[in-house]
Amino acid sequence: MSSPPTIELLTAATPNGQKISIFLEELGLPYKTTPIDLGKDEQKTPSFLATNPNGRIPAIIDHSRTPSFPVFESGAIFLYLAEHYDTYKNFSFSDADERSEMLQWLFFQNAGVGPMQGQANHFYRYAPEKIPYGIKRYQNETKRLYSVLEARLQDRDYLVGKGKGKYSVADMSTFTWVRWAPWAGIELGEFPH
């Protein structure tokens, strides 16, 4: 018999929405997914805003605590889950320097790759008017950020850690965005690593 879910993940099928479910799966935590329909602006409802006042996905609620504890912003969710549930540091780091590197790459994704590729997605797929300047600007910035990732992964398997590195939340956070590159009109052929 499995344990009842302790974590509720409020999310949608977007690059940003998928990355937390990867970490929850890797941790083996029982969790419940509450789908948020972005097309219906469910992320702007009072009940969702009580969990995330910024009205964005993903968010979690840790129901194992009393009272239940909400966490919003994907980087903060990664850190919360790592601090509370990755007790053996399988996907995070005890060493202060490696932890700092992990935070740098996690923030690189959250402050760079996600926002720039999100804008590339918007201008390439959803803008009511095709604006070539906007498409080109955000695709080029996403490619520039991918070139940073490419250089980092040139002679290593993972973004953080000694030697070839260790699979961590920095990789999980970045993977979902890179996986969706074609959705932004970006081909990954020039970024083999």
N, C-alpha and C. Protein backbone atom coordinates (compact mmCIF):
# COMPACT_ATOMS: atom_id res chain seq x y z
N MET A 1 0.85 -1.18 0.00
CA MET A 1 0.00 0.00 0.00
C MET A 1 0.89 1.24 0.00
N SER A 2 0.64 2.16 -0.92
CA SER A 2 1.47 3.35 -1.02
C SER A 2 1.01 4.42 -0.04
N SER A 3 1.94 5.31 0.26
CA SER A 3 1.64 6.41 1.18
C SER A 3 0.73 7.42 0.50
N PRO A 4 -0.09 8.10 1.28
CA PRO A 4 -0.92 9.15 0.67
C PRO A 4 -0.04 10.31 0.24
N PRO A 5 -0.44 11.04 -0.79
CA PRO A 5 0.38 12.17 -1.25
C PRO A 5 0.57 13.21 -0.14
N THR A 6 1.81 13.66 -0.01
CA THR A 6 2.10 14.72 0.95
C THR A 6 2.31 16.04 0.24
N ILE A 7 2.72 15.97 -1.03
CA ILE A 7 2.98 17.17 -1.81
C ILE A 7 1.90 17.30 -2.87
N GLU A 8 1.35 18.49 -2.98
CA GLU A 8 0.42 18.80 -4.07
C GLU A 8 1.15 19.71 -5.03
N LEU A 9 1.24 19.29 -6.29
CA LEU A 9 1.90 20.06 -7.34
C LEU A 9 0.84 20.70 -8.21
N LEU A 10 0.80 22.01 -8.22
CA LEU A 10 -0.13 22.76 -9.06
C LEU A 10 0.65 23.19 -10.29
N THR A 11 0.26 22.68 -11.46
CA THR A 11 1.11 22.87 -12.63
C THR A 11 0.33 22.73 -13.93
N ALA A 12 1.05 22.94 -15.02
CA ALA A 12 0.52 22.77 -16.37
C ALA A 12 1.63 22.17 -17.22
N ALA A 13 1.26 21.70 -18.41
CA ALA A 13 2.22 21.02 -19.30
C ALA A 13 3.04 22.02 -20.10
N THR A 14 3.90 22.74 -19.39
CA THR A 14 4.83 23.69 -20.00
C THR A 14 6.23 23.30 -19.54
N PRO A 15 7.28 23.84 -20.16
CA PRO A 15 8.63 23.52 -19.67
C PRO A 15 8.79 23.85 -18.19
N ASN A 16 8.29 24.99 -17.78
CA ASN A 16 8.41 25.38 -16.37
C ASN A 16 7.55 24.49 -15.49
N GLY A 17 6.41 24.10 -15.99
CA GLY A 17 5.50 23.27 -15.21
C GLY A 17 5.94 21.84 -15.05
N GLN A 18 6.78 21.36 -15.94
CA GLN A 18 7.18 19.95 -15.91
C GLN A 18 8.38 19.67 -15.01
N LYS A 19 9.22 20.65 -14.79
CA LYS A 19 10.50 20.36 -14.13
C LYS A 19 10.36 19.92 -12.68
N ILE A 20 9.37 20.42 -11.96
CA ILE A 20 9.21 20.02 -10.56
C ILE A 20 8.74 18.57 -10.47
N SER A 21 7.89 18.14 -11.41
CA SER A 21 7.45 16.75 -11.38
C SER A 21 8.62 15.79 -11.58
N ILE A 22 9.61 16.20 -12.36
CA ILE A 22 10.81 15.37 -12.53
C ILE A 22 11.49 15.18 -11.17
N PHE A 23 11.66 16.25 -10.43
CA PHE A 23 12.33 16.15 -9.13
C PHE A 23 11.51 15.32 -8.15
N LEU A 24 10.21 15.51 -8.13
CA LEU A 24 9.36 14.71 -7.24
C LEU A 24 9.46 13.23 -7.57
N GLU A 25 9.49 12.92 -8.86
CA GLU A 25 9.65 11.52 -9.28
C GLU A 25 11.01 10.98 -8.85
N GLU A 26 12.06 11.76 -9.07
CA GLU A 26 13.40 11.33 -8.69
C GLU A 26 13.51 11.09 -7.18
N LEU A 27 12.85 11.94 -6.40
CA LEU A 27 12.87 11.79 -4.95
C LEU A 27 12.01 10.61 -4.48
N GLY A 28 11.10 10.16 -5.34
CA GLY A 28 10.20 9.07 -4.95
C GLY A 28 9.15 9.51 -3.96
N LEU A 29 8.84 10.80 -3.95
CA LEU A 29 7.84 11.32 -3.01
C LEU A 29 6.43 11.08 -3.55
N PRO A 30 5.52 10.67 -2.68
CA PRO A 30 4.13 10.62 -3.14
C PRO A 30 3.62 12.05 -3.33
N TYR A 31 3.04 12.30 -4.49
CA TYR A 31 2.51 13.64 -4.74
C TYR A 31 1.26 13.55 -5.60
N LYS A 32 0.49 14.59 -5.51
CA LYS A 32 -0.75 14.70 -6.28
C LYS A 32 -0.59 15.88 -7.21
N THR A 33 -0.94 15.70 -8.47
CA THR A 33 -0.89 16.80 -9.42
C THR A 33 -2.26 17.44 -9.53
N THR A 34 -2.31 18.74 -9.36
CA THR A 34 -3.53 19.50 -9.60
C THR A 34 -3.28 20.31 -10.86
N PRO A 35 -3.92 19.89 -11.98
CA PRO A 35 -3.69 20.62 -13.23
C PRO A 35 -4.28 22.03 -13.18
N ILE A 36 -3.52 22.96 -13.70
CA ILE A 36 -3.96 24.35 -13.79
C ILE A 36 -4.13 24.68 -15.27
N ASP A 37 -5.34 25.04 -15.66
CA ASP A 37 -5.64 25.36 -17.05
C ASP A 37 -5.27 26.82 -17.31
N LEU A 38 -4.13 27.01 -17.97
CA LEU A 38 -3.66 28.37 -18.25
C LEU A 38 -4.57 29.09 -19.23
N GLY A 39 -5.17 28.34 -20.15
CA GLY A 39 -6.09 28.93 -21.12
C GLY A 39 -7.32 29.53 -20.48
N LYS A 40 -7.69 29.02 -19.31
CA LYS A 40 -8.84 29.53 -18.56
C LYS A 40 -8.40 30.47 -17.44
N ASP A 41 -7.12 30.82 -17.40
CA ASP A 41 -6.56 31.71 -16.37
C ASP A 41 -6.80 31.19 -14.95
N GLU A 42 -6.77 29.86 -14.77
CA GLU A 42 -6.96 29.31 -13.42
C GLU A 42 -5.84 29.74 -12.48
N GLN A 43 -4.68 30.13 -13.02
CA GLN A 43 -3.58 30.60 -12.19
C GLN A 43 -3.86 31.99 -11.62
N LYS A 44 -4.95 32.61 -12.04
CA LYS A 44 -5.32 33.94 -11.53
C LYS A 44 -6.50 33.88 -10.56
N THR A 45 -6.98 32.68 -10.25
CA THR A 45 -8.12 32.54 -9.34
C THR A 45 -7.68 32.79 -7.89
N PRO A 46 -8.60 33.22 -7.06
CA PRO A 46 -8.24 33.47 -5.65
C PRO A 46 -7.62 32.24 -4.96
N SER A 47 -8.12 31.05 -5.27
CA SER A 47 -7.57 29.86 -4.59
C SER A 47 -6.12 29.62 -5.01
N PHE A 48 -5.79 29.82 -6.29
CA PHE A 48 -4.40 29.65 -6.71
C PHE A 48 -3.53 30.78 -6.17
N LEU A 49 -4.03 31.99 -6.21
CA LEU A 49 -3.26 33.14 -5.72
C LEU A 49 -2.95 33.03 -4.22
N ALA A 50 -3.75 32.25 -3.49
CA ALA A 50 -3.45 32.01 -2.08
C ALA A 50 -2.17 31.18 -1.93
N THR A 51 -1.87 30.37 -2.94
CA THR A 51 -0.64 29.58 -2.94
C THR A 51 0.50 30.34 -3.58
N ASN A 52 0.22 31.00 -4.70
CA ASN A 52 1.24 31.78 -5.39
C ASN A 52 0.68 33.15 -5.74
N PRO A 53 1.01 34.16 -4.97
CA PRO A 53 0.49 35.50 -5.23
C PRO A 53 0.92 36.07 -6.58
N ASN A 54 1.94 35.47 -7.21
CA ASN A 54 2.39 35.93 -8.52
C ASN A 54 1.55 35.35 -9.66
N GLY A 55 0.69 34.39 -9.37
CA GLY A 55 -0.20 33.85 -10.38
C GLY A 55 0.50 33.11 -11.51
N ARG A 56 1.53 32.35 -11.18
CA ARG A 56 2.29 31.59 -12.18
C ARG A 56 2.46 30.15 -11.69
N ILE A 57 2.60 29.24 -12.67
CA ILE A 57 2.89 27.86 -12.30
C ILE A 57 4.38 27.63 -12.45
N PRO A 58 4.95 26.67 -11.76
CA PRO A 58 4.35 25.75 -10.82
C PRO A 58 4.33 26.31 -9.40
N ALA A 59 3.60 25.62 -8.56
CA ALA A 59 3.60 25.88 -7.12
C ALA A 59 3.38 24.52 -6.45
N ILE A 60 3.78 24.43 -5.22
CA ILE A 60 3.50 23.21 -4.45
C ILE A 60 2.88 23.60 -3.13
N ILE A 61 2.20 22.62 -2.54
CA ILE A 61 1.73 22.74 -1.16
C ILE A 61 2.21 21.47 -0.45
N ASP A 62 2.98 21.64 0.60
CA ASP A 62 3.44 20.50 1.39
C ASP A 62 2.42 20.26 2.48
N HIS A 63 1.61 19.22 2.28
CA HIS A 63 0.54 18.90 3.23
C HIS A 63 1.02 18.06 4.41
N SER A 64 2.32 17.72 4.44
CA SER A 64 2.85 16.96 5.57
C SER A 64 3.07 17.87 6.77
N ARG A 65 2.99 19.17 6.56
CA ARG A 65 3.22 20.13 7.63
C ARG A 65 1.90 20.67 8.15
N THR A 66 1.92 21.17 9.37
CA THR A 66 0.71 21.75 9.96
C THR A 66 1.04 23.16 10.40
N PRO A 67 0.43 24.17 9.80
CA PRO A 67 -0.48 24.06 8.65
C PRO A 67 0.30 23.72 7.38
N SER A 68 -0.44 23.34 6.35
CA SER A 68 0.20 23.05 5.06
C SER A 68 1.04 24.24 4.62
N PHE A 69 2.15 23.95 3.93
CA PHE A 69 3.12 24.98 3.59
C PHE A 69 3.21 25.15 2.08
N PRO A 70 2.81 26.32 1.55
CA PRO A 70 2.91 26.56 0.10
C PRO A 70 4.29 27.11 -0.28
N VAL A 71 4.74 26.74 -1.47
CA VAL A 71 6.00 27.26 -2.01
C VAL A 71 5.76 27.60 -3.47
N PHE A 72 6.16 28.79 -3.88
CA PHE A 72 6.03 29.19 -5.28
C PHE A 72 7.37 29.62 -5.82
N GLU A 73 7.45 29.77 -7.14
CA GLU A 73 8.66 30.03 -7.93
C GLU A 73 9.48 28.75 -8.01
N SER A 74 9.72 28.30 -9.22
CA SER A 74 10.33 26.98 -9.43
C SER A 74 11.69 26.83 -8.75
N GLY A 75 12.53 27.85 -8.79
CA GLY A 75 13.82 27.76 -8.13
C GLY A 75 13.66 27.57 -6.63
N ALA A 76 12.73 28.29 -6.03
CA ALA A 76 12.47 28.16 -4.60
C ALA A 76 11.90 26.79 -4.29
N ILE A 77 11.07 26.24 -5.18
CA ILE A 77 10.52 24.90 -4.98
C ILE A 77 11.64 23.87 -5.00
N PHE A 78 12.55 23.97 -5.98
CA PHE A 78 13.68 23.05 -6.02
C PHE A 78 14.46 23.10 -4.72
N LEU A 79 14.76 24.28 -4.24
CA LEU A 79 15.55 24.42 -3.02
C LEU A 79 14.79 23.89 -1.80
N TYR A 80 13.49 24.16 -1.72
CA TYR A 80 12.68 23.66 -0.61
C TYR A 80 12.69 22.13 -0.59
N LEU A 81 12.43 21.54 -1.75
CA LEU A 81 12.39 20.07 -1.82
C LEU A 81 13.76 19.47 -1.52
N ALA A 82 14.82 20.10 -2.01
CA ALA A 82 16.17 19.61 -1.74
C ALA A 82 16.48 19.67 -0.24
N GLU A 83 16.13 20.79 0.39
CA GLU A 83 16.43 20.96 1.81
C GLU A 83 15.62 20.03 2.70
N HIS A 84 14.36 19.78 2.32
CA HIS A 84 13.48 18.99 3.18
C HIS A 84 13.43 17.50 2.83
N TYR A 85 13.69 17.16 1.57
CA TYR A 85 13.46 15.77 1.15
C TYR A 85 14.65 15.09 0.50
N ASP A 86 15.67 15.82 0.09
CA ASP A 86 16.86 15.20 -0.49
C ASP A 86 17.91 15.06 0.61
N THR A 87 17.57 14.32 1.64
CA THR A 87 18.41 14.23 2.84
C THR A 87 19.77 13.62 2.56
N TYR A 88 19.88 12.74 1.57
CA TYR A 88 21.17 12.11 1.25
C TYR A 88 21.92 12.87 0.15
N LYS A 89 21.38 14.01 -0.24
CA LYS A 89 22.01 14.87 -1.26
C LYS A 89 22.27 14.11 -2.55
N ASN A 90 21.29 13.30 -2.96
CA ASN A 90 21.40 12.58 -4.23
C ASN A 90 21.31 13.52 -5.42
N PHE A 91 20.59 14.64 -5.27
CA PHE A 91 20.35 15.56 -6.38
C PHE A 91 20.75 16.99 -6.04
N SER A 92 21.44 17.15 -4.93
CA SER A 92 21.94 18.46 -4.51
C SER A 92 23.32 18.21 -3.87
N PHE A 93 23.86 19.18 -3.17
CA PHE A 93 25.24 19.07 -2.73
C PHE A 93 25.40 19.52 -1.28
N SER A 94 26.27 18.84 -0.56
CA SER A 94 26.65 19.24 0.80
C SER A 94 27.82 20.21 0.77
N ASP A 95 28.77 19.97 -0.13
CA ASP A 95 29.95 20.82 -0.25
C ASP A 95 29.52 22.25 -0.63
N ALA A 96 30.02 23.23 0.11
CA ALA A 96 29.59 24.62 -0.08
C ALA A 96 29.89 25.13 -1.49
N ASP A 97 31.05 24.79 -2.04
CA ASP A 97 31.39 25.27 -3.38
C ASP A 97 30.50 24.62 -4.44
N GLU A 98 30.27 23.33 -4.32
CA GLU A 98 29.39 22.66 -5.28
C GLU A 98 27.96 23.17 -5.14
N ARG A 99 27.52 23.43 -3.91
CA ARG A 99 26.19 23.99 -3.71
C ARG A 99 26.09 25.36 -4.36
N SER A 100 27.14 26.16 -4.24
CA SER A 100 27.16 27.46 -4.89
C SER A 100 27.07 27.32 -6.41
N GLU A 101 27.82 26.38 -6.96
CA GLU A 101 27.73 26.13 -8.41
C GLU A 101 26.32 25.71 -8.81
N MET A 102 25.71 24.84 -8.00
CA MET A 102 24.35 24.41 -8.29
C MET A 102 23.39 25.61 -8.32
N LEU A 103 23.52 26.48 -7.34
CA LEU A 103 22.66 27.66 -7.29
C LEU A 103 22.90 28.57 -8.49
N GLN A 104 24.17 28.72 -8.90
CA GLN A 104 24.47 29.56 -10.06
C GLN A 104 23.77 29.03 -11.31
N TRP A 105 23.86 27.71 -11.54
CA TRP A 105 23.23 27.14 -12.73
C TRP A 105 21.72 27.10 -12.62
N LEU A 106 21.21 26.90 -11.42
CA LEU A 106 19.77 26.96 -11.21
C LEU A 106 19.26 28.37 -11.50
N PHE A 107 19.96 29.38 -11.00
CA PHE A 107 19.55 30.76 -11.25
C PHE A 107 19.76 31.14 -12.72
N PHE A 108 20.79 30.61 -13.35
CA PHE A 108 21.02 30.83 -14.78
C PHE A 108 19.79 30.39 -15.58
N GLN A 109 19.26 29.24 -15.23
CA GLN A 109 18.06 28.77 -15.92
C GLN A 109 16.86 29.65 -15.59
N ASN A 110 16.68 29.93 -14.31
CA ASN A 110 15.50 30.68 -13.89
C ASN A 110 15.51 32.14 -14.34
N ALA A 111 16.68 32.74 -14.41
CA ALA A 111 16.76 34.15 -14.78
C ALA A 111 17.10 34.36 -16.25
N GLY A 112 17.61 33.32 -16.93
CA GLY A 112 18.02 33.47 -18.32
C GLY A 112 17.27 32.58 -19.27
N VAL A 113 17.56 31.28 -19.24
CA VAL A 113 16.99 30.35 -20.21
C VAL A 113 15.46 30.40 -20.20
N GLY A 114 14.86 30.26 -19.04
CA GLY A 114 13.39 30.24 -18.97
C GLY A 114 12.73 31.50 -19.50
N PRO A 115 13.10 32.66 -18.98
CA PRO A 115 12.47 33.89 -19.46
C PRO A 115 12.72 34.18 -20.94
N MET A 116 13.96 33.99 -21.40
CA MET A 116 14.26 34.29 -22.81
C MET A 116 13.57 33.30 -23.75
N GLN A 117 13.64 32.02 -23.41
CA GLN A 117 12.98 31.04 -24.27
C GLN A 117 11.46 31.18 -24.17
N GLY A 118 10.97 31.55 -23.02
CA GLY A 118 9.53 31.81 -22.90
C GLY A 118 9.09 32.93 -23.84
N GLN A 119 9.90 33.98 -23.94
CA GLN A 119 9.57 35.05 -24.88
C GLN A 119 9.71 34.58 -26.33
N ALA A 120 10.73 33.76 -26.60
CA ALA A 120 10.88 33.19 -27.95
C ALA A 120 9.65 32.36 -28.29
N ASN A 121 9.19 31.53 -27.34
CA ASN A 121 7.96 30.75 -27.55
C ASN A 121 6.80 31.66 -27.89
N HIS A 122 6.65 32.72 -27.12
CA HIS A 122 5.52 33.63 -27.30
C HIS A 122 5.54 34.28 -28.69
N PHE A 123 6.67 34.88 -29.03
CA PHE A 123 6.72 35.59 -30.31
C PHE A 123 6.66 34.65 -31.50
N TYR A 124 7.22 33.46 -31.36
CA TYR A 124 7.25 32.48 -32.45
C TYR A 124 5.90 31.78 -32.61
N ARG A 125 5.19 31.49 -31.51
CA ARG A 125 3.97 30.69 -31.56
C ARG A 125 2.68 31.46 -31.33
N TYR A 126 2.68 32.41 -30.41
CA TYR A 126 1.42 32.92 -29.89
C TYR A 126 1.11 34.38 -30.17
N ALA A 127 2.09 35.18 -30.50
CA ALA A 127 1.83 36.61 -30.70
C ALA A 127 0.77 36.79 -31.79
N PRO A 128 -0.22 37.62 -31.54
CA PRO A 128 -1.28 37.80 -32.54
C PRO A 128 -0.76 38.40 -33.85
N GLU A 129 0.37 39.09 -33.74
CA GLU A 129 1.01 39.65 -34.93
C GLU A 129 2.44 39.13 -34.96
N LYS A 130 2.86 38.59 -36.10
CA LYS A 130 4.23 38.09 -36.23
C LYS A 130 5.17 39.30 -36.33
N ILE A 131 6.04 39.42 -35.35
CA ILE A 131 7.00 40.52 -35.29
C ILE A 131 8.38 39.92 -35.47
N PRO A 132 8.95 39.97 -36.67
CA PRO A 132 10.24 39.33 -36.92
C PRO A 132 11.34 39.78 -35.95
N TYR A 133 11.36 41.06 -35.59
CA TYR A 133 12.36 41.54 -34.65
C TYR A 133 12.26 40.80 -33.31
N GLY A 134 11.05 40.66 -32.77
CA GLY A 134 10.85 39.98 -31.49
C GLY A 134 11.23 38.51 -31.57
N ILE A 135 10.83 37.86 -32.65
CA ILE A 135 11.16 36.44 -32.83
C ILE A 135 12.68 36.28 -32.87
N LYS A 136 13.34 37.05 -33.71
CA LYS A 136 14.78 36.93 -33.88
C LYS A 136 15.53 37.26 -32.58
N ARG A 137 15.11 38.35 -31.92
CA ARG A 137 15.79 38.77 -30.69
C ARG A 137 15.76 37.66 -29.65
N TYR A 138 14.60 37.09 -29.38
CA TYR A 138 14.50 36.09 -28.31
C TYR A 138 15.04 34.73 -28.72
N GLN A 139 14.92 34.38 -29.98
CA GLN A 139 15.57 33.14 -30.44
C GLN A 139 17.08 33.27 -30.34
N ASN A 140 17.62 34.41 -30.75
CA ASN A 140 19.08 34.60 -30.68
C ASN A 140 19.59 34.61 -29.24
N GLU A 141 18.84 35.22 -28.34
CA GLU A 141 19.26 35.24 -26.93
C GLU A 141 19.18 33.83 -26.34
N THR A 142 18.16 33.06 -26.71
CA THR A 142 18.07 31.68 -26.25
C THR A 142 19.25 30.87 -26.79
N LYS A 143 19.59 31.08 -28.04
CA LYS A 143 20.75 30.37 -28.62
C LYS A 143 22.04 30.78 -27.91
N ARG A 144 22.16 32.05 -27.55
CA ARG A 144 23.35 32.48 -26.82
C ARG A 144 23.44 31.76 -25.48
N LEU A 145 22.32 31.65 -24.79
CA LEU A 145 22.30 30.95 -23.51
C LEU A 145 22.59 29.46 -23.71
N TYR A 146 22.07 28.88 -24.79
CA TYR A 146 22.38 27.48 -25.09
C TYR A 146 23.87 27.31 -25.36
N SER A 147 24.50 28.32 -25.96
CA SER A 147 25.95 28.21 -26.21
C SER A 147 26.72 28.20 -24.89
N VAL A 148 26.21 28.87 -23.88
CA VAL A 148 26.83 28.83 -22.55
C VAL A 148 26.71 27.41 -21.98
N LEU A 149 25.52 26.82 -22.12
CA LEU A 149 25.32 25.44 -21.68
C LEU A 149 26.22 24.48 -22.47
N GLU A 150 26.29 24.70 -23.76
CA GLU A 150 27.11 23.85 -24.64
C GLU A 150 28.57 23.88 -24.19
N ALA A 151 29.08 25.07 -23.90
CA ALA A 151 30.47 25.19 -23.45
C ALA A 151 30.67 24.48 -22.10
N ARG A 152 29.72 24.64 -21.22
CA ARG A 152 29.82 24.01 -19.89
C ARG A 152 29.83 22.48 -20.02
N LEU A 153 29.04 21.95 -20.94
CA LEU A 153 28.89 20.50 -21.06
C LEU A 153 29.87 19.87 -22.06
N GLN A 154 30.81 20.66 -22.52
CA GLN A 154 31.78 20.20 -23.52
C GLN A 154 32.52 18.95 -23.09
N ASP A 155 32.97 18.93 -21.84
CA ASP A 155 33.77 17.79 -21.37
C ASP A 155 33.24 17.21 -20.06
N ARG A 156 31.95 17.35 -19.87
CA ARG A 156 31.32 16.83 -18.65
C ARG A 156 29.91 16.37 -18.96
N ASP A 157 29.34 15.56 -18.08
CA ASP A 157 28.01 15.02 -18.30
C ASP A 157 26.90 15.87 -17.68
N TYR A 158 27.24 16.59 -16.60
CA TYR A 158 26.24 17.36 -15.86
C TYR A 158 26.77 18.75 -15.57
N LEU A 159 25.87 19.66 -15.25
CA LEU A 159 26.24 21.06 -15.07
C LEU A 159 27.11 21.30 -13.83
N VAL A 160 26.93 20.51 -12.79
CA VAL A 160 27.57 20.80 -11.50
C VAL A 160 28.27 19.56 -10.95
N GLY A 161 29.34 19.79 -10.24
CA GLY A 161 30.01 18.72 -9.52
C GLY A 161 31.41 18.48 -10.06
N LYS A 162 32.17 17.82 -9.25
CA LYS A 162 33.56 17.52 -9.61
C LYS A 162 33.61 16.50 -10.75
N GLY A 163 34.71 16.49 -11.46
CA GLY A 163 34.88 15.53 -12.57
C GLY A 163 33.84 15.77 -13.66
N LYS A 164 33.12 14.73 -14.01
CA LYS A 164 32.08 14.82 -15.04
C LYS A 164 30.79 15.41 -14.49
N GLY A 165 30.77 15.65 -13.18
CA GLY A 165 29.60 16.24 -12.54
C GLY A 165 28.65 15.20 -12.01
N LYS A 166 27.56 15.69 -11.43
CA LYS A 166 26.53 14.85 -10.83
C LYS A 166 25.17 15.39 -11.25
N TYR A 167 24.29 14.49 -11.62
CA TYR A 167 22.91 14.84 -11.96
C TYR A 167 22.27 15.55 -10.77
N SER A 168 21.80 16.76 -10.99
CA SER A 168 21.26 17.55 -9.88
C SER A 168 20.06 18.37 -10.35
N VAL A 169 19.53 19.13 -9.40
CA VAL A 169 18.38 19.98 -9.72
C VAL A 169 18.71 21.00 -10.80
N ALA A 170 19.98 21.37 -10.94
CA ALA A 170 20.36 22.30 -12.02
C ALA A 170 20.08 21.67 -13.38
N ASP A 171 20.36 20.38 -13.53
CA ASP A 171 20.08 19.69 -14.79
C ASP A 171 18.59 19.52 -15.01
N MET A 172 17.87 19.13 -13.96
CA MET A 172 16.41 18.95 -14.08
C MET A 172 15.74 20.24 -14.51
N SER A 173 16.16 21.33 -13.91
CA SER A 173 15.57 22.63 -14.18
C SER A 173 15.79 23.06 -15.63
N THR A 174 16.97 22.76 -16.15
CA THR A 174 17.33 23.19 -17.50
C THR A 174 16.80 22.25 -18.57
N PHE A 175 16.74 20.96 -18.26
CA PHE A 175 16.35 19.94 -19.24
C PHE A 175 15.01 20.24 -19.91
N THR A 176 14.00 20.57 -19.11
CA THR A 176 12.66 20.73 -19.71
C THR A 176 12.63 21.87 -20.72
N TRP A 177 13.40 22.92 -20.47
CA TRP A 177 13.44 24.02 -21.42
C TRP A 177 14.15 23.62 -22.70
N VAL A 178 15.32 23.00 -22.57
CA VAL A 178 16.07 22.60 -23.76
C VAL A 178 15.27 21.57 -24.57
N ARG A 179 14.58 20.69 -23.88
CA ARG A 179 13.75 19.69 -24.55
C ARG A 179 12.70 20.35 -25.45
N TRP A 180 12.21 21.50 -25.06
CA TRP A 180 11.17 22.21 -25.80
C TRP A 180 11.75 23.22 -26.80
N ALA A 181 13.03 23.18 -27.07
CA ALA A 181 13.65 24.15 -27.98
C ALA A 181 12.92 24.28 -29.32
N PRO A 182 12.53 23.18 -29.97
CA PRO A 182 11.84 23.32 -31.26
C PRO A 182 10.54 24.12 -31.18
N TRP A 183 9.91 24.11 -30.01
CA TRP A 183 8.66 24.87 -29.84
C TRP A 183 8.92 26.38 -30.00
N ALA A 184 10.16 26.78 -29.72
CA ALA A 184 10.56 28.19 -29.88
C ALA A 184 11.22 28.42 -31.24
N GLY A 185 11.20 27.39 -32.10
CA GLY A 185 11.81 27.53 -33.42
C GLY A 185 13.32 27.39 -33.40
N ILE A 186 13.85 26.71 -32.40
CA ILE A 186 15.30 26.56 -32.24
C ILE A 186 15.66 25.09 -32.45
N GLU A 187 16.56 24.85 -33.38
CA GLU A 187 17.03 23.49 -33.63
C GLU A 187 18.25 23.23 -32.76
N LEU A 188 18.32 22.04 -32.20
CA LEU A 188 19.40 21.70 -31.27
C LEU A 188 20.65 21.15 -31.95
N GLY A 189 20.65 21.01 -33.28
CA GLY A 189 21.80 20.44 -33.99
C GLY A 189 23.10 21.13 -33.69
N GLU A 190 23.09 22.44 -33.50
CA GLU A 190 24.34 23.15 -33.23
C GLU A 190 24.76 23.08 -31.75
N PHE A 191 23.95 22.39 -30.94
CA PHE A 191 24.24 22.24 -29.52
C PHE A 191 24.22 20.75 -29.14
N PRO A 192 25.18 19.97 -29.61
CA PRO A 192 25.12 18.52 -29.41
C PRO A 192 25.27 18.06 -27.96
N HIS A 193 25.86 18.89 -27.12
CA HIS A 193 26.05 18.48 -25.73
C HIS A 193 24.88 18.89 -24.85
